[in-house]
N, C-alpha and C. Protein backbone atom coordinates (compact mmCIF):
# COMPACT_ATOMS: atom_id res chain seq x y z
N MET A 1 75.33 45.16 123.26
CA MET A 1 76.32 46.14 122.87
C MET A 1 75.63 47.48 122.70
N HIS A 2 76.09 48.48 123.38
CA HIS A 2 75.56 49.83 123.26
C HIS A 2 76.18 50.47 122.03
N VAL A 3 75.36 51.02 121.14
CA VAL A 3 75.86 51.56 119.88
C VAL A 3 75.52 53.04 119.77
N LEU A 4 76.49 53.83 119.34
CA LEU A 4 76.32 55.27 119.12
C LEU A 4 76.73 55.59 117.69
N SER A 5 76.08 56.56 117.07
CA SER A 5 76.49 56.99 115.74
C SER A 5 77.79 57.77 115.84
N GLY A 6 78.62 57.67 114.84
CA GLY A 6 79.88 58.40 114.81
C GLY A 6 80.22 58.80 113.39
N SER A 7 81.21 59.64 113.22
CA SER A 7 81.57 60.12 111.89
C SER A 7 82.17 59.04 111.01
N HIS A 8 82.72 58.00 111.60
CA HIS A 8 83.30 56.92 110.82
C HIS A 8 82.49 55.64 110.96
N GLY A 9 81.26 55.72 111.33
CA GLY A 9 80.45 54.52 111.49
C GLY A 9 79.79 54.54 112.84
N ARG A 10 80.06 53.52 113.63
CA ARG A 10 79.42 53.40 114.93
C ARG A 10 80.46 53.02 115.98
N SER A 11 80.11 53.25 117.22
CA SER A 11 80.99 52.84 118.30
C SER A 11 80.15 52.20 119.38
N GLY A 12 80.78 51.39 120.19
CA GLY A 12 80.04 50.71 121.24
C GLY A 12 80.95 50.31 122.38
N ASN A 13 80.39 49.64 123.34
CA ASN A 13 81.13 49.22 124.52
C ASN A 13 80.99 47.71 124.65
N VAL A 14 82.12 47.03 124.65
CA VAL A 14 82.10 45.59 124.79
C VAL A 14 83.37 45.16 125.54
N GLU A 15 83.27 44.15 126.35
CA GLU A 15 84.42 43.66 127.10
C GLU A 15 84.82 42.29 126.53
N PRO A 16 86.07 42.17 126.07
CA PRO A 16 86.48 40.95 125.37
C PRO A 16 86.43 39.69 126.23
N ASP A 17 86.60 39.81 127.53
CA ASP A 17 86.63 38.63 128.38
C ASP A 17 85.26 37.97 128.53
N TYR A 18 84.20 38.67 128.16
CA TYR A 18 82.85 38.11 128.28
C TYR A 18 82.27 37.65 126.94
N LEU A 19 82.97 37.88 125.85
CA LEU A 19 82.45 37.54 124.54
C LEU A 19 82.51 36.03 124.27
N ILE A 20 81.40 35.48 123.88
CA ILE A 20 81.36 34.06 123.52
C ILE A 20 81.74 33.89 122.05
N GLU A 21 81.38 34.87 121.22
CA GLU A 21 81.69 34.83 119.79
C GLU A 21 82.42 36.12 119.38
N PRO A 22 83.66 36.32 119.86
CA PRO A 22 84.35 37.58 119.62
C PRO A 22 84.62 37.87 118.15
N ILE A 23 84.92 36.85 117.38
CA ILE A 23 85.21 37.07 115.95
C ILE A 23 83.96 37.54 115.23
N LYS A 24 82.83 36.96 115.56
CA LYS A 24 81.56 37.38 114.98
C LYS A 24 81.26 38.84 115.33
N VAL A 25 81.52 39.23 116.57
CA VAL A 25 81.29 40.61 117.00
C VAL A 25 82.21 41.57 116.24
N LEU A 26 83.49 41.21 116.07
CA LEU A 26 84.42 42.08 115.36
C LEU A 26 84.11 42.15 113.87
N LYS A 27 83.63 41.06 113.30
CA LYS A 27 83.20 41.11 111.89
C LYS A 27 82.05 42.08 111.71
N GLU A 28 81.11 42.07 112.65
CA GLU A 28 79.98 43.00 112.58
C GLU A 28 80.46 44.43 112.78
N ALA A 29 81.40 44.65 113.71
CA ALA A 29 81.95 45.99 113.90
C ALA A 29 82.62 46.47 112.62
N CYS A 30 83.34 45.60 111.97
CA CYS A 30 84.01 45.95 110.71
C CYS A 30 82.97 46.28 109.64
N ARG A 31 81.88 45.55 109.62
CA ARG A 31 80.83 45.78 108.62
C ARG A 31 80.23 47.17 108.76
N VAL A 32 80.00 47.63 109.99
CA VAL A 32 79.33 48.92 110.19
C VAL A 32 80.27 50.12 110.20
N LEU A 33 81.57 49.88 110.35
CA LEU A 33 82.53 50.98 110.30
C LEU A 33 82.80 51.40 108.87
N LYS A 34 83.02 52.69 108.67
CA LYS A 34 83.48 53.19 107.39
C LYS A 34 84.99 52.94 107.30
N PRO A 35 85.56 52.88 106.09
CA PRO A 35 87.02 52.77 105.98
C PRO A 35 87.70 53.87 106.78
N GLY A 36 88.69 53.51 107.56
CA GLY A 36 89.39 54.45 108.43
C GLY A 36 88.77 54.57 109.81
N GLY A 37 87.58 53.97 109.98
CA GLY A 37 86.92 53.99 111.27
C GLY A 37 87.70 53.15 112.27
N LYS A 38 87.62 53.49 113.53
CA LYS A 38 88.39 52.81 114.56
C LYS A 38 87.49 52.06 115.53
N ILE A 39 88.01 50.96 116.01
CA ILE A 39 87.40 50.27 117.13
C ILE A 39 88.46 50.22 118.22
N ILE A 40 88.06 50.56 119.42
CA ILE A 40 88.98 50.57 120.55
C ILE A 40 88.40 49.66 121.62
N ILE A 41 89.19 48.69 122.01
CA ILE A 41 88.77 47.73 123.03
C ILE A 41 89.64 47.96 124.27
N SER A 42 89.00 48.08 125.40
CA SER A 42 89.75 48.21 126.64
C SER A 42 89.72 46.88 127.37
N GLN A 43 90.79 46.61 128.10
CA GLN A 43 90.82 45.38 128.89
C GLN A 43 91.71 45.59 130.10
N SER A 44 91.29 44.97 131.18
CA SER A 44 92.08 44.96 132.40
C SER A 44 92.10 43.52 132.90
N ASN A 45 92.73 43.31 134.01
CA ASN A 45 92.71 41.95 134.55
C ASN A 45 91.59 41.77 135.57
N ARG A 46 90.71 42.75 135.67
CA ARG A 46 89.54 42.64 136.54
C ARG A 46 88.39 42.06 135.74
N CYS A 47 87.68 41.14 136.32
CA CYS A 47 86.51 40.58 135.67
C CYS A 47 85.69 39.81 136.69
N PHE A 48 84.51 39.42 136.27
CA PHE A 48 83.69 38.52 137.07
C PHE A 48 84.03 37.11 136.61
N PRO A 49 84.77 36.34 137.40
CA PRO A 49 85.19 35.01 136.95
C PRO A 49 84.04 34.11 136.50
N SER A 50 82.88 34.28 137.08
CA SER A 50 81.75 33.44 136.69
C SER A 50 81.20 33.81 135.31
N LYS A 51 81.57 34.98 134.79
CA LYS A 51 81.07 35.44 133.50
C LYS A 51 82.13 35.39 132.40
N ALA A 52 83.40 35.43 132.76
CA ALA A 52 84.48 35.44 131.77
C ALA A 52 84.66 34.06 131.16
N ILE A 53 85.14 34.05 129.91
CA ILE A 53 85.45 32.76 129.29
C ILE A 53 86.61 32.12 130.06
N SER A 54 86.59 30.81 130.19
CA SER A 54 87.57 30.14 131.05
C SER A 54 89.01 30.37 130.60
N MET A 55 89.25 30.43 129.30
CA MET A 55 90.60 30.64 128.79
C MET A 55 91.15 31.97 129.31
N TRP A 56 90.32 33.00 129.40
CA TRP A 56 90.74 34.33 129.84
C TRP A 56 91.32 34.27 131.25
N LEU A 57 90.72 33.47 132.09
CA LEU A 57 91.13 33.40 133.49
C LEU A 57 92.51 32.78 133.67
N GLN A 58 92.97 32.03 132.67
CA GLN A 58 94.26 31.36 132.75
C GLN A 58 95.40 32.17 132.13
N MET A 59 95.08 33.35 131.61
CA MET A 59 96.07 34.14 130.86
C MET A 59 96.57 35.34 131.65
N ASN A 60 97.78 35.81 131.28
CA ASN A 60 98.30 37.05 131.85
C ASN A 60 97.96 38.22 130.92
N ASP A 61 98.34 39.43 131.29
CA ASP A 61 97.98 40.61 130.52
C ASP A 61 98.50 40.55 129.08
N ARG A 62 99.73 40.14 128.91
CA ARG A 62 100.31 40.04 127.56
C ARG A 62 99.53 39.04 126.72
N GLN A 63 99.17 37.93 127.29
CA GLN A 63 98.40 36.93 126.56
C GLN A 63 97.00 37.45 126.21
N HIS A 64 96.40 38.25 127.08
CA HIS A 64 95.11 38.87 126.77
C HIS A 64 95.23 39.73 125.51
N LEU A 65 96.28 40.55 125.45
CA LEU A 65 96.49 41.42 124.29
C LEU A 65 96.71 40.61 123.02
N GLU A 66 97.48 39.54 123.12
CA GLU A 66 97.73 38.69 121.96
C GLU A 66 96.45 37.99 121.50
N LEU A 67 95.63 37.58 122.44
CA LEU A 67 94.36 36.95 122.10
C LEU A 67 93.45 37.93 121.36
N ILE A 68 93.34 39.16 121.87
CA ILE A 68 92.50 40.16 121.22
C ILE A 68 93.03 40.47 119.82
N ASN A 69 94.34 40.57 119.66
CA ASN A 69 94.91 40.78 118.34
C ASN A 69 94.55 39.62 117.42
N GLY A 70 94.58 38.40 117.94
CA GLY A 70 94.17 37.24 117.15
C GLY A 70 92.71 37.32 116.72
N TYR A 71 91.85 37.80 117.60
CA TYR A 71 90.44 37.99 117.23
C TYR A 71 90.34 38.92 116.02
N PHE A 72 91.08 40.04 116.06
CA PHE A 72 91.06 40.97 114.92
C PHE A 72 91.59 40.29 113.66
N GLN A 73 92.65 39.52 113.80
CA GLN A 73 93.26 38.85 112.65
C GLN A 73 92.26 37.91 111.98
N TYR A 74 91.58 37.10 112.78
CA TYR A 74 90.63 36.14 112.23
C TYR A 74 89.34 36.80 111.74
N ALA A 75 88.97 37.94 112.32
CA ALA A 75 87.78 38.66 111.85
C ALA A 75 88.03 39.26 110.47
N GLY A 76 89.26 39.71 110.25
CA GLY A 76 89.61 40.31 108.96
C GLY A 76 89.06 41.72 108.82
N GLY A 77 89.62 42.45 107.84
CA GLY A 77 89.13 43.77 107.51
C GLY A 77 89.75 44.92 108.27
N PHE A 78 90.72 44.63 109.14
CA PHE A 78 91.36 45.68 109.93
C PHE A 78 92.83 45.80 109.52
N GLU A 79 93.32 47.04 109.53
CA GLU A 79 94.72 47.28 109.16
C GLU A 79 95.66 46.63 110.16
N GLU A 80 96.86 46.35 109.67
CA GLU A 80 97.94 45.89 110.55
C GLU A 80 99.02 46.95 110.55
N PRO A 81 99.75 47.12 111.61
CA PRO A 81 99.56 46.46 112.89
C PRO A 81 98.47 47.14 113.71
N ARG A 82 97.84 46.39 114.59
CA ARG A 82 96.95 46.98 115.58
C ARG A 82 97.83 47.61 116.66
N LYS A 83 97.30 48.58 117.37
CA LYS A 83 98.09 49.26 118.40
C LYS A 83 97.54 48.93 119.78
N ALA A 84 98.44 48.71 120.72
CA ALA A 84 98.06 48.47 122.11
C ALA A 84 98.76 49.52 122.98
N PHE A 85 98.02 50.02 123.96
CA PHE A 85 98.54 51.06 124.84
C PHE A 85 98.30 50.67 126.29
N ASP A 86 99.31 50.86 127.12
CA ASP A 86 99.16 50.66 128.56
C ASP A 86 98.71 51.99 129.14
N ILE A 87 97.48 52.05 129.64
CA ILE A 87 96.94 53.29 130.20
C ILE A 87 96.71 53.14 131.72
N THR A 88 97.47 52.26 132.33
CA THR A 88 97.35 52.05 133.77
C THR A 88 97.61 53.35 134.52
N ALA A 89 96.72 53.67 135.43
CA ALA A 89 96.87 54.88 136.23
C ALA A 89 98.10 54.76 137.14
N THR A 90 98.71 55.88 137.42
CA THR A 90 99.81 55.90 138.38
C THR A 90 99.35 56.62 139.63
N GLN A 91 99.76 56.09 140.75
CA GLN A 91 99.42 56.67 142.05
C GLN A 91 100.61 57.48 142.54
N PRO A 92 100.37 58.61 143.19
CA PRO A 92 101.48 59.42 143.71
C PRO A 92 102.40 58.66 144.66
N ASP A 93 101.83 57.71 145.41
CA ASP A 93 102.65 56.95 146.36
C ASP A 93 103.13 55.62 145.77
N ASN A 94 102.98 55.44 144.46
CA ASN A 94 103.38 54.22 143.76
C ASN A 94 102.67 52.97 144.25
N SER A 95 101.50 53.13 144.85
CA SER A 95 100.74 51.95 145.28
C SER A 95 100.16 51.24 144.05
N TYR A 96 99.73 50.02 144.26
CA TYR A 96 99.25 49.18 143.17
C TYR A 96 97.99 49.74 142.53
N CYS A 97 97.94 49.68 141.22
CA CYS A 97 96.74 49.99 140.44
C CYS A 97 96.50 48.81 139.51
N ASP A 98 95.24 48.49 139.30
CA ASP A 98 94.93 47.45 138.33
C ASP A 98 95.42 47.88 136.95
N PRO A 99 96.08 46.99 136.23
CA PRO A 99 96.54 47.34 134.89
C PRO A 99 95.35 47.57 133.96
N MET A 100 95.53 48.49 133.02
CA MET A 100 94.49 48.81 132.05
C MET A 100 95.14 49.03 130.70
N PHE A 101 94.60 48.39 129.68
CA PHE A 101 95.15 48.49 128.33
C PHE A 101 94.02 48.81 127.35
N ILE A 102 94.38 49.47 126.26
CA ILE A 102 93.44 49.62 125.15
C ILE A 102 94.11 49.10 123.88
N ILE A 103 93.30 48.54 123.02
CA ILE A 103 93.75 48.03 121.72
C ILE A 103 92.96 48.79 120.67
N GLU A 104 93.67 49.38 119.72
CA GLU A 104 93.03 50.16 118.67
C GLU A 104 93.22 49.46 117.34
N ALA A 105 92.13 49.32 116.59
CA ALA A 105 92.20 48.76 115.25
C ALA A 105 91.46 49.69 114.30
N VAL A 106 91.97 49.78 113.08
CA VAL A 106 91.41 50.67 112.07
C VAL A 106 90.88 49.81 110.92
N LYS A 107 89.67 50.12 110.48
CA LYS A 107 89.10 49.37 109.34
C LYS A 107 89.90 49.72 108.09
N ALA A 108 90.27 48.70 107.36
CA ALA A 108 91.04 48.86 106.12
C ALA A 108 90.18 49.49 105.04
């Protein structure tokens, strides 16, 4: 995990589909964040199937978001509700773009 200093703690880059111990990672993120600090997780349906957890490969986008929310719930220490945003790019010709979502959680 790449970590940078920030005004509310630290920030980093992690992909939820590759995490073996996601709750442990989120507990650590909560530990290093100051109250009001945010963690933002991005997710798309693109991944390396050989590296992603098997459950991830069987889920749709909505289920991915619900799973990530569950990780936050079990990790504890984050405000409810968490926020999810669809940030999928739009093409001028309406051609297909891979869906992209971000999930924002705030330390309580």
